[in-house]
């Protein structure tokens, strides 16, 4: 996953983590989730999307995990 010049080698992630989002410009990881535990992350600003509901599902998923 990449942000401001830093990137995680997605090939080095353990099997417990799954890539959920890829950057279409450079194919870097933008999101991961844990396969067993209720944990996920995105490496971008979901609230700054082009449309008001583009990433609404992330906040819904987070609330459901609580």
PDB file of N, CA and C in Angstrom:
ATOM      1  N   UNK A   1       0.849  -1.164   0.000  1.00  0.00           N
ATOM      2  CA  UNK A   1       0.000   0.000   0.000  1.00  0.00           C
ATOM      3  C   UNK A   1       0.893   1.225   0.000  1.00  0.00           C
ATOM      4  N   UNK A   2       0.478   2.262  -0.691  1.00  0.00           N
ATOM      5  CA  UNK A   2       1.339   3.417  -0.911  1.00  0.00           C
ATOM      6  C   UNK A   2       0.650   4.686  -0.444  1.00  0.00           C
ATOM      7  N   UNK A   3       1.428   5.550   0.198  1.00  0.00           N
ATOM      8  CA  UNK A   3       0.930   6.860   0.579  1.00  0.00           C
ATOM      9  C   UNK A   3       2.128   7.777   0.761  1.00  0.00           C
ATOM     10  N   UNK A   4       2.189   8.838  -0.010  1.00  0.00           N
ATOM     11  CA  UNK A   4       3.248   9.827   0.113  1.00  0.00           C
ATOM     12  C   UNK A   4       4.644   9.207  -0.027  1.00  0.00           C
ATOM     13  N   UNK A   5       4.798   8.305  -0.962  1.00  0.00           N
ATOM     14  CA  UNK A   5       6.105   7.719  -1.231  1.00  0.00           C
ATOM     15  C   UNK A   5       6.410   6.454  -0.452  1.00  0.00           C
ATOM     16  N   UNK A   6       5.542   6.045   0.448  1.00  0.00           N
ATOM     17  CA  UNK A   6       5.743   4.814   1.195  1.00  0.00           C
ATOM     18  C   UNK A   6       4.827   3.744   0.611  1.00  0.00           C
ATOM     19  N   UNK A   7       5.325   2.515   0.546  1.00  0.00           N
ATOM     20  CA  UNK A   7       4.505   1.437  -0.003  1.00  0.00           C
ATOM     21  C   UNK A   7       4.777   0.137   0.744  1.00  0.00           C
ATOM     22  N   UNK A   8       3.755  -0.677   0.871  1.00  0.00           N
ATOM     23  CA  UNK A   8       3.883  -2.017   1.429  1.00  0.00           C
ATOM     24  C   UNK A   8       3.986  -2.979   0.266  1.00  0.00           C
ATOM     25  N   UNK A   9       4.933  -3.880   0.336  1.00  0.00           N
ATOM     26  CA  UNK A   9       5.062  -4.924  -0.672  1.00  0.00           C
ATOM     27  C   UNK A   9       3.917  -5.905  -0.448  1.00  0.00           C
ATOM     28  N   UNK A  10       2.905  -5.853  -1.289  1.00  0.00           N
ATOM     29  CA  UNK A  10       1.719  -6.686  -1.092  1.00  0.00           C
ATOM     30  C   UNK A  10       2.040  -8.175  -1.144  1.00  0.00           C
ATOM     31  N   UNK A  11       3.113  -8.534  -1.818  1.00  0.00           N
ATOM     32  CA  UNK A  11       3.524  -9.946  -1.869  1.00  0.00           C
ATOM     33  C   UNK A  11       4.060 -10.423  -0.520  1.00  0.00           C
ATOM     34  N   UNK A  12       4.437  -9.490   0.351  1.00  0.00           N
ATOM     35  CA  UNK A  12       5.008  -9.857   1.647  1.00  0.00           C
ATOM     36  C   UNK A  12       3.962  -9.994   2.750  1.00  0.00           C
ATOM     37  N   UNK A  13       2.699  -9.686   2.444  1.00  0.00           N
ATOM     38  CA  UNK A  13       1.656  -9.763   3.466  1.00  0.00           C
ATOM     39  C   UNK A  13       1.396 -11.214   3.860  1.00  0.00           C
ATOM     40  N   UNK A  14       1.109 -11.464   5.132  1.00  0.00           N
ATOM     41  CA  UNK A  14       0.788 -12.830   5.558  1.00  0.00           C
ATOM     42  C   UNK A  14      -0.544 -13.283   4.968  1.00  0.00           C
ATOM     43  N   UNK A  15      -0.762 -14.573   4.963  1.00  0.00           N
ATOM     44  CA  UNK A  15      -1.987 -15.140   4.383  1.00  0.00           C
ATOM     45  C   UNK A  15      -3.254 -14.648   5.078  1.00  0.00           C
ATOM     46  N   UNK A  16      -3.134 -14.197   6.341  1.00  0.00           N
ATOM     47  CA  UNK A  16      -4.312 -13.727   7.078  1.00  0.00           C
ATOM     48  C   UNK A  16      -4.855 -12.412   6.534  1.00  0.00           C
ATOM     49  N   UNK A  17      -4.046 -11.702   5.730  1.00  0.00           N
ATOM     50  CA  UNK A  17      -4.467 -10.422   5.180  1.00  0.00           C
ATOM     51  C   UNK A  17      -4.779 -10.565   3.697  1.00  0.00           C
ATOM     52  N   UNK A  18      -5.855  -9.922   3.294  1.00  0.00           N
ATOM     53  CA  UNK A  18      -6.302  -9.959   1.900  1.00  0.00           C
ATOM     54  C   UNK A  18      -6.357  -8.542   1.344  1.00  0.00           C
ATOM     55  N   UNK A  19      -5.825  -8.355   0.150  1.00  0.00           N
ATOM     56  CA  UNK A  19      -5.916  -7.063  -0.531  1.00  0.00           C
ATOM     57  C   UNK A  19      -7.360  -6.878  -0.999  1.00  0.00           C
ATOM     58  N   UNK A  20      -7.948  -5.726  -0.659  1.00  0.00           N
ATOM     59  CA  UNK A  20      -9.336  -5.453  -1.051  1.00  0.00           C
ATOM     60  C   UNK A  20      -9.458  -4.326  -2.069  1.00  0.00           C
ATOM     61  N   UNK A  21      -8.460  -3.454  -2.124  1.00  0.00           N
ATOM     62  CA  UNK A  21      -8.494  -2.311  -3.035  1.00  0.00           C
ATOM     63  C   UNK A  21      -7.129  -2.151  -3.684  1.00  0.00           C
ATOM     64  N   UNK A  22      -7.115  -1.915  -4.988  1.00  0.00           N
ATOM     65  CA  UNK A  22      -5.882  -1.653  -5.724  1.00  0.00           C
ATOM     66  C   UNK A  22      -5.973  -0.307  -6.415  1.00  0.00           C
ATOM     67  N   UNK A  23      -4.877   0.417  -6.428  1.00  0.00           N
ATOM     68  CA  UNK A  23      -4.804   1.677  -7.143  1.00  0.00           C
ATOM     69  C   UNK A  23      -4.732   1.374  -8.641  1.00  0.00           C
ATOM     70  N   UNK A  24      -5.634   1.914  -9.416  1.00  0.00           N
ATOM     71  CA  UNK A  24      -5.676   1.641 -10.850  1.00  0.00           C
ATOM     72  C   UNK A  24      -4.537   2.302 -11.613  1.00  0.00           C
ATOM     73  N   UNK A  25      -3.911   3.305 -11.029  1.00  0.00           N
ATOM     74  CA  UNK A  25      -2.823   4.005 -11.709  1.00  0.00           C
ATOM     75  C   UNK A  25      -1.491   3.271 -11.612  1.00  0.00           C
ATOM     76  N   UNK A  26      -1.189   2.722 -10.433  1.00  0.00           N
ATOM     77  CA  UNK A  26       0.126   2.086 -10.264  1.00  0.00           C
ATOM     78  C   UNK A  26       0.064   0.692  -9.652  1.00  0.00           C
ATOM     79  N   UNK A  27      -1.144   0.160  -9.470  1.00  0.00           N
ATOM     80  CA  UNK A  27      -1.354  -1.210  -8.984  1.00  0.00           C
ATOM     81  C   UNK A  27      -0.838  -1.437  -7.561  1.00  0.00           C
ATOM     82  N   UNK A  28      -0.685  -0.372  -6.786  1.00  0.00           N
ATOM     83  CA  UNK A  28      -0.312  -0.534  -5.385  1.00  0.00           C
ATOM     84  C   UNK A  28      -1.553  -0.839  -4.565  1.00  0.00           C
ATOM     85  N   UNK A  29      -1.353  -1.497  -3.437  1.00  0.00           N
ATOM     86  CA  UNK A  29      -2.464  -1.823  -2.557  1.00  0.00           C
ATOM     87  C   UNK A  29      -3.024  -0.581  -1.904  1.00  0.00           C
ATOM     88  N   UNK A  30      -4.340  -0.483  -1.885  1.00  0.00           N
ATOM     89  CA  UNK A  30      -5.018   0.656  -1.255  1.00  0.00           C
ATOM     90  C   UNK A  30      -5.921   0.222  -0.106  1.00  0.00           C
ATOM     91  N   UNK A  31      -6.109  -1.085   0.065  1.00  0.00           N
ATOM     92  CA  UNK A  31      -6.954  -1.558   1.154  1.00  0.00           C
ATOM     93  C   UNK A  31      -6.671  -3.009   1.467  1.00  0.00           C
ATOM     94  N   UNK A  32      -6.824  -3.345   2.757  1.00  0.00           N
ATOM     95  CA  UNK A  32      -6.647  -4.728   3.201  1.00  0.00           C
ATOM     96  C   UNK A  32      -7.723  -5.080   4.208  1.00  0.00           C
ATOM     97  N   UNK A  33      -7.913  -6.357   4.404  1.00  0.00           N
ATOM     98  CA  UNK A  33      -8.793  -6.826   5.483  1.00  0.00           C
ATOM     99  C   UNK A  33      -8.184  -8.085   6.061  1.00  0.00           C
ATOM    100  N   UNK A  34      -8.496  -8.326   7.332  1.00  0.00           N
ATOM    101  CA  UNK A  34      -8.056  -9.544   7.996  1.00  0.00           C
ATOM    102  C   UNK A  34      -9.090 -10.614   7.709  1.00  0.00           C
ATOM    103  N   UNK A  35      -8.641 -11.784   7.350  1.00  0.00           N
ATOM    104  CA  UNK A  35      -9.567 -12.866   6.976  1.00  0.00           C
ATOM    105  C   UNK A  35     -10.317 -13.445   8.170  1.00  0.00           C
ATOM    106  N   UNK A  36      -9.754 -13.353   9.382  1.00  0.00           N
ATOM    107  CA  UNK A  36     -10.381 -13.984  10.536  1.00  0.00           C
ATOM    108  C   UNK A  36     -10.949 -12.977  11.527  1.00  0.00           C
ATOM    109  N   UNK A  37     -10.269 -11.857  11.716  1.00  0.00           N
ATOM    110  CA  UNK A  37     -10.707 -10.863  12.685  1.00  0.00           C
ATOM    111  C   UNK A  37     -11.442  -9.716  11.995  1.00  0.00           C
ATOM    112  N   UNK A  38     -12.338  -9.033  12.707  1.00  0.00           N
ATOM    113  CA  UNK A  38     -13.075  -7.919  12.107  1.00  0.00           C
ATOM    114  C   UNK A  38     -12.217  -6.658  12.030  1.00  0.00           C
ATOM    115  N   UNK A  39     -11.322  -6.645  11.056  1.00  0.00           N
ATOM    116  CA  UNK A  39     -10.431  -5.491  10.890  1.00  0.00           C
ATOM    117  C   UNK A  39     -10.173  -5.256   9.409  1.00  0.00           C
ATOM    118  N   UNK A  40     -10.218  -3.996   9.006  1.00  0.00           N
ATOM    119  CA  UNK A  40      -9.896  -3.636   7.631  1.00  0.00           C
ATOM    120  C   UNK A  40      -9.333  -2.228   7.616  1.00  0.00           C
ATOM    121  N   UNK A  41      -8.709  -1.876   6.497  1.00  0.00           N
ATOM    122  CA  UNK A  41      -8.118  -0.553   6.365  1.00  0.00           C
ATOM    123  C   UNK A  41      -8.116  -0.141   4.899  1.00  0.00           C
ATOM    124  N   UNK A  42      -8.240   1.147   4.670  1.00  0.00           N
ATOM    125  CA  UNK A  42      -8.057   1.690   3.321  1.00  0.00           C
ATOM    126  C   UNK A  42      -6.995   2.769   3.402  1.00  0.00           C
ATOM    127  N   UNK A  43      -6.210   2.903   2.349  1.00  0.00           N
ATOM    128  CA  UNK A  43      -5.099   3.847   2.307  1.00  0.00           C
ATOM    129  C   UNK A  43      -5.441   4.987   1.345  1.00  0.00           C
ATOM    130  N   UNK A  44      -6.545   5.621   1.584  1.00  0.00           N
ATOM    131  CA  UNK A  44      -6.951   6.801   0.837  1.00  0.00           C
ATOM    132  C   UNK A  44      -8.005   7.499   1.678  1.00  0.00           C
ATOM    133  N   UNK A  45      -8.475   8.620   1.241  1.00  0.00           N
ATOM    134  CA  UNK A  45      -9.456   9.375   2.020  1.00  0.00           C
ATOM    135  C   UNK A  45     -10.853   9.074   1.483  1.00  0.00           C
ATOM    136  N   UNK A  46     -11.567   8.115   2.082  1.00  0.00           N
ATOM    137  CA  UNK A  46     -12.877   7.738   1.541  1.00  0.00           C
ATOM    138  C   UNK A  46     -13.906   8.854   1.553  1.00  0.00           C
ATOM    139  N   UNK A  47     -13.774   9.791   2.458  1.00  0.00           N
ATOM    140  CA  UNK A  47     -14.771  10.866   2.508  1.00  0.00           C
ATOM    141  C   UNK A  47     -14.510  11.927   1.446  1.00  0.00           C
ATOM    142  N   UNK A  48     -13.392  11.855   0.751  1.00  0.00           N
ATOM    143  CA  UNK A  48     -13.052  12.851  -0.263  1.00  0.00           C
ATOM    144  C   UNK A  48     -13.296  12.328  -1.676  1.00  0.00           C
ATOM    145  N   UNK A  49     -14.275  11.446  -1.816  1.00  0.00           N
ATOM    146  CA  UNK A  49     -14.545  10.835  -3.117  1.00  0.00           C
ATOM    147  C   UNK A  49     -15.307  11.782  -4.027  1.00  0.00           C
ATOM    148  N   UNK A  50     -15.382  11.408  -5.283  1.00  0.00           N
ATOM    149  CA  UNK A  50     -16.060  12.233  -6.280  1.00  0.00           C
ATOM    150  C   UNK A  50     -17.559  12.360  -6.047  1.00  0.00           C
ATOM    151  N   UNK A  51     -18.166  11.329  -5.492  1.00  0.00           N
ATOM    152  CA  UNK A  51     -19.602  11.354  -5.219  1.00  0.00           C
ATOM    153  C   UNK A  51     -19.849  11.225  -3.731  1.00  0.00           C
ATOM    154  N   UNK A  52     -20.988  11.698  -3.255  1.00  0.00           N
ATOM    155  CA  UNK A  52     -21.234  11.714  -1.813  1.00  0.00           C
ATOM    156  C   UNK A  52     -21.422  10.332  -1.197  1.00  0.00           C
ATOM    157  N   UNK A  53     -21.663   9.314  -2.012  1.00  0.00           N
ATOM    158  CA  UNK A  53     -21.938   7.986  -1.456  1.00  0.00           C
ATOM    159  C   UNK A  53     -20.971   6.918  -1.951  1.00  0.00           C
ATOM    160  N   UNK A  54     -19.902   7.318  -2.636  1.00  0.00           N
ATOM    161  CA  UNK A  54     -18.979   6.351  -3.230  1.00  0.00           C
ATOM    162  C   UNK A  54     -18.402   5.362  -2.233  1.00  0.00           C
ATOM    163  N   UNK A  55     -18.085   5.809  -1.048  1.00  0.00           N
ATOM    164  CA  UNK A  55     -17.481   4.901  -0.077  1.00  0.00           C
ATOM    165  C   UNK A  55     -18.337   4.726   1.172  1.00  0.00           C
ATOM    166  N   UNK A  56     -19.605   4.984   1.026  1.00  0.00           N
ATOM    167  CA  UNK A  56     -20.553   4.821   2.135  1.00  0.00           C
ATOM    168  C   UNK A  56     -20.483   3.411   2.700  1.00  0.00           C
ATOM    169  N   UNK A  57     -20.245   2.427   1.827  1.00  0.00           N
ATOM    170  CA  UNK A  57     -20.199   1.031   2.255  1.00  0.00           C
ATOM    171  C   UNK A  57     -19.092   0.778   3.283  1.00  0.00           C
ATOM    172  N   UNK A  58     -17.993   1.545   3.247  1.00  0.00           N
ATOM    173  CA  UNK A  58     -16.928   1.361   4.227  1.00  0.00           C
ATOM    174  C   UNK A  58     -17.398   1.739   5.629  1.00  0.00           C
ATOM    175  N   UNK A  59     -18.130   2.826   5.732  1.00  0.00           N
ATOM    176  CA  UNK A  59     -18.633   3.254   7.031  1.00  0.00           C
ATOM    177  C   UNK A  59     -19.728   2.317   7.526  1.00  0.00           C
ATOM    178  N   UNK A  60     -20.543   1.802   6.618  1.00  0.00           N
ATOM    179  CA  UNK A  60     -21.554   0.805   6.978  1.00  0.00           C
ATOM    180  C   UNK A  60     -20.876  -0.456   7.495  1.00  0.00           C
ATOM    181  N   UNK A  61     -19.855  -0.925   6.800  1.00  0.00           N
ATOM    182  CA  UNK A  61     -19.113  -2.117   7.213  1.00  0.00           C
ATOM    183  C   UNK A  61     -18.498  -1.912   8.596  1.00  0.00           C
ATOM    184  N   UNK A  62     -17.931  -0.735   8.830  1.00  0.00           N
ATOM    185  CA  UNK A  62     -17.327  -0.449  10.138  1.00  0.00           C
ATOM    186  C   UNK A  62     -18.376  -0.506  11.247  1.00  0.00           C
ATOM    187  N   UNK A  63     -19.527   0.120  11.025  1.00  0.00           N
ATOM    188  CA  UNK A  63     -20.596   0.090  12.033  1.00  0.00           C
ATOM    189  C   UNK A  63     -21.058  -1.335  12.297  1.00  0.00           C
ATOM    190  N   UNK A  64     -21.157  -2.147  11.261  1.00  0.00           N
ATOM    191  CA  UNK A  64     -21.593  -3.536  11.440  1.00  0.00           C
ATOM    192  C   UNK A  64     -20.575  -4.334  12.251  1.00  0.00           C
ATOM    193  N   UNK A  65     -19.309  -4.007  12.127  1.00  0.00           N
ATOM    194  CA  UNK A  65     -18.269  -4.708  12.884  1.00  0.00           C
ATOM    195  C   UNK A  65     -18.332  -4.386  14.378  1.00  0.00           C
ATOM    196  N   UNK A  66     -18.849  -3.199  14.696  1.00  0.00           N
ATOM    197  CA  UNK A  66     -18.950  -2.814  16.107  1.00  0.00           C
ATOM    198  C   UNK A  66     -19.991  -3.671  16.775  1.00  0.00           C
TER     199      UNK A  66
END
